[in-house]
Amino acid sequence: MKKFKAISSFLVLIFLLVSCGSDDGGGEIATDLQVIGIWDLAEVNISSSQDVDMDGTSSTNLMDEVECISGTILIDGDGVWTFEQTGISITAITGGQYFAQCSGNDVTGTGAWSVNGSQITFQGSTLLGTLSFSGDRLTNNVGDDLPGVRSYVYIRRE
């Protein structure tokens, strides 16, 4: 009987040591928890400064120039994301100047999400693709020159 108790105790100890290994993906769970929340659009960055609102101050962030731009990404704990954002129309004028306005064609989407290191992949739609995650910022680096957008930056809502 003593032998049986000793072997049983030894097996329980081995089971506990194996099940509490450092390769159990604990880091990924922590990253997943860091991205869950509501993210608000804070920057719509373009390749050269523009003074769209004609206030005498140019900016590479269209949100400084066009008041109607807004956007939100909801990343929930069930692995689902929801997205809505104002549609933006950028038109060339002359001499490297552009006009930007809200187009009235809001963009929406939903799907599943997953995290791999500092990258969040939004599945189910081509709207977001893969965004970079760093602290309280999500960045969608589109990389286009005007009349396209360089990047969209979202900040976690407090």
Protein backbone atom coordinates (compact mmCIF):
# COMPACT_ATOMS: atom_id res chain seq x y z
CA MET A 1 0.00 0.00 0.00
CA LYS A 2 2.87 2.38 0.80
CA LYS A 3 4.30 1.65 -2.64
CA PHE A 4 1.01 2.50 -4.31
CA LYS A 5 0.74 5.84 -2.45
CA ALA A 6 4.35 6.70 -3.32
CA ILE A 7 3.83 5.89 -7.03
CA SER A 8 0.54 7.81 -7.08
CA SER A 9 2.15 10.85 -5.45
CA PHE A 10 5.05 10.67 -7.90
CA LEU A 11 2.67 10.50 -10.90
CA VAL A 12 0.65 13.48 -9.63
CA LEU A 13 3.87 15.48 -9.17
CA ILE A 14 5.04 14.61 -12.72
CA PHE A 15 1.59 15.54 -14.12
CA LEU A 16 1.71 18.93 -12.38
CA LEU A 17 5.22 19.68 -13.64
CA VAL A 18 4.36 18.76 -17.24
CA SER A 19 1.03 20.61 -17.30
CA CYS A 20 2.56 23.85 -15.97
CA GLY A 21 5.26 24.13 -18.61
CA SER A 22 6.37 27.49 -20.04
CA ASP A 23 5.24 26.57 -23.57
CA ASP A 24 1.52 26.77 -22.84
CA GLY A 25 0.96 29.92 -24.92
CA GLY A 26 0.40 32.18 -21.91
CA GLY A 27 1.96 35.16 -23.74
CA GLU A 28 -0.54 34.98 -26.59
CA ILE A 29 -3.48 35.02 -24.20
CA ALA A 30 -2.10 38.18 -22.57
CA THR A 31 -1.73 39.82 -26.03
CA ASP A 32 -5.28 38.79 -26.95
CA LEU A 33 -6.56 40.49 -23.81
CA GLN A 34 -4.62 43.66 -24.64
CA VAL A 35 -6.40 44.13 -27.99
CA ILE A 36 -9.95 43.53 -26.74
CA GLY A 37 -11.90 46.78 -26.55
CA ILE A 38 -13.16 49.72 -28.55
CA TRP A 39 -10.69 51.52 -30.82
CA ASP A 40 -11.45 54.97 -32.23
CA LEU A 41 -9.98 56.39 -35.43
CA ALA A 42 -7.47 59.10 -34.46
CA GLU A 43 -5.41 59.62 -37.64
CA VAL A 44 -5.96 59.36 -41.39
CA ASN A 45 -2.42 60.05 -42.60
CA ILE A 46 -1.63 61.19 -46.14
CA SER A 47 1.68 61.59 -47.99
CA SER A 48 1.88 65.42 -48.05
CA SER A 49 0.43 68.22 -45.94
CA GLN A 50 -2.81 69.71 -47.19
CA ASP A 51 -4.95 72.63 -46.04
CA VAL A 52 -8.33 71.18 -47.00
CA ASP A 53 -10.34 73.34 -44.59
CA MET A 54 -8.50 76.53 -45.75
CA ASP A 55 -7.69 77.67 -42.19
CA GLY A 56 -4.07 78.47 -43.05
CA THR A 57 -2.67 75.34 -41.35
CA SER A 58 -1.71 72.27 -43.36
CA SER A 59 -1.64 68.77 -41.92
CA THR A 60 -0.81 65.23 -43.02
CA ASN A 61 -3.65 63.99 -40.79
CA LEU A 62 -6.96 64.44 -42.62
CA MET A 63 -8.78 64.33 -39.28
CA ASP A 64 -7.29 67.78 -38.58
CA GLU A 65 -8.75 69.05 -41.86
CA VAL A 66 -12.09 67.27 -42.37
CA GLU A 67 -14.41 67.31 -39.35
CA CYS A 68 -16.84 64.59 -40.45
CA ILE A 69 -14.29 61.72 -40.45
CA SER A 70 -14.83 59.09 -37.76
CA GLY A 71 -14.35 55.38 -37.28
CA THR A 72 -14.53 52.64 -34.68
CA ILE A 73 -13.30 49.06 -34.36
CA LEU A 74 -14.86 46.87 -31.68
CA ILE A 75 -12.73 43.82 -30.84
CA ASP A 76 -14.61 41.54 -28.47
CA GLY A 77 -13.49 38.66 -26.30
CA ASP A 78 -15.43 36.13 -28.37
CA GLY A 79 -13.04 36.54 -31.31
CA VAL A 80 -15.40 38.77 -33.31
CA TRP A 81 -14.72 42.29 -34.63
CA THR A 82 -17.08 44.98 -35.89
CA PHE A 83 -15.97 48.00 -37.91
CA GLU A 84 -17.56 51.20 -39.14
CA GLN A 85 -15.88 54.21 -40.67
CA THR A 86 -16.76 57.29 -42.66
CA GLY A 87 -16.09 56.97 -46.36
CA ILE A 88 -13.52 59.51 -47.57
CA SER A 89 -13.17 60.91 -51.07
CA ILE A 90 -9.85 62.54 -52.05
CA THR A 91 -9.67 64.40 -55.35
CA ALA A 92 -6.68 66.09 -57.05
CA ILE A 93 -7.11 69.82 -57.72
CA THR A 94 -3.89 71.32 -59.17
CA GLY A 95 -0.26 71.84 -58.23
CA GLY A 96 -0.07 69.00 -55.72
CA GLN A 97 -3.21 70.15 -53.90
CA TYR A 98 -6.08 67.83 -53.05
CA PHE A 99 -9.63 68.17 -51.83
CA ALA A 100 -10.95 65.69 -49.27
CA GLN A 101 -14.49 65.21 -48.03
CA CYS A 102 -16.72 62.61 -46.43
CA SER A 103 -18.30 60.69 -49.27
CA GLY A 104 -21.48 59.57 -47.54
CA ASN A 105 -20.58 55.95 -48.31
CA ASP A 106 -19.78 54.69 -44.83
CA VAL A 107 -17.75 51.49 -44.65
CA THR A 108 -18.76 48.65 -42.33
CA GLY A 109 -17.62 45.09 -41.71
CA THR A 110 -17.49 42.23 -39.27
CA GLY A 111 -15.66 38.92 -38.91
CA ALA A 112 -13.24 36.97 -36.74
CA TRP A 113 -9.87 38.17 -35.46
CA SER A 114 -6.63 36.59 -34.30
CA VAL A 115 -3.35 37.84 -32.86
CA ASN A 116 0.15 36.78 -33.84
CA GLY A 117 2.74 38.75 -31.90
CA SER A 118 2.17 42.44 -32.68
CA GLN A 119 -0.12 41.76 -35.67
CA ILE A 120 -3.91 41.48 -35.56
CA THR A 121 -5.54 39.77 -38.52
CA PHE A 122 -9.14 40.68 -39.25
CA GLN A 123 -10.80 37.85 -41.16
CA GLY A 124 -14.11 37.88 -42.99
CA SER A 125 -13.54 41.09 -44.94
CA THR A 126 -10.78 42.81 -46.92
CA LEU A 127 -11.51 46.13 -45.20
CA LEU A 128 -8.93 45.88 -42.45
CA GLY A 129 -6.62 42.98 -43.31
CA THR A 130 -3.74 42.92 -40.83
CA LEU A 131 -3.03 45.81 -38.46
CA SER A 132 0.00 46.43 -36.27
CA PHE A 133 -0.58 46.58 -32.53
CA SER A 134 1.60 48.62 -30.16
CA GLY A 135 0.39 49.70 -26.73
CA ASP A 136 -2.74 51.77 -27.20
CA ARG A 137 -2.39 52.07 -31.02
CA LEU A 138 -3.61 49.97 -33.93
CA THR A 139 -2.10 50.98 -37.27
CA ASN A 140 -3.28 50.05 -40.75
CA ASN A 141 -0.30 50.88 -43.00
CA VAL A 142 -1.83 51.22 -46.45
CA GLY A 143 1.23 53.03 -47.84
CA ASP A 144 -0.45 54.85 -50.73
CA ASP A 145 0.49 58.33 -51.95
CA LEU A 146 -2.19 60.95 -52.55
CA PRO A 147 -4.93 60.63 -53.64
CA GLY A 148 -4.61 57.53 -51.45
CA VAL A 149 -4.07 57.21 -47.70
CA ARG A 150 -0.75 56.25 -46.06
CA SER A 151 -2.17 54.92 -42.79
CA TYR A 152 -5.13 54.79 -40.45
CA VAL A 153 -4.37 54.89 -36.72
CA TYR A 154 -6.85 53.82 -34.04
CA ILE A 155 -6.48 54.60 -30.33
CA ARG A 156 -7.98 52.47 -27.55
CA ARG A 157 -11.01 54.13 -25.96
CA GLU A 158 -10.64 54.64 -22.21
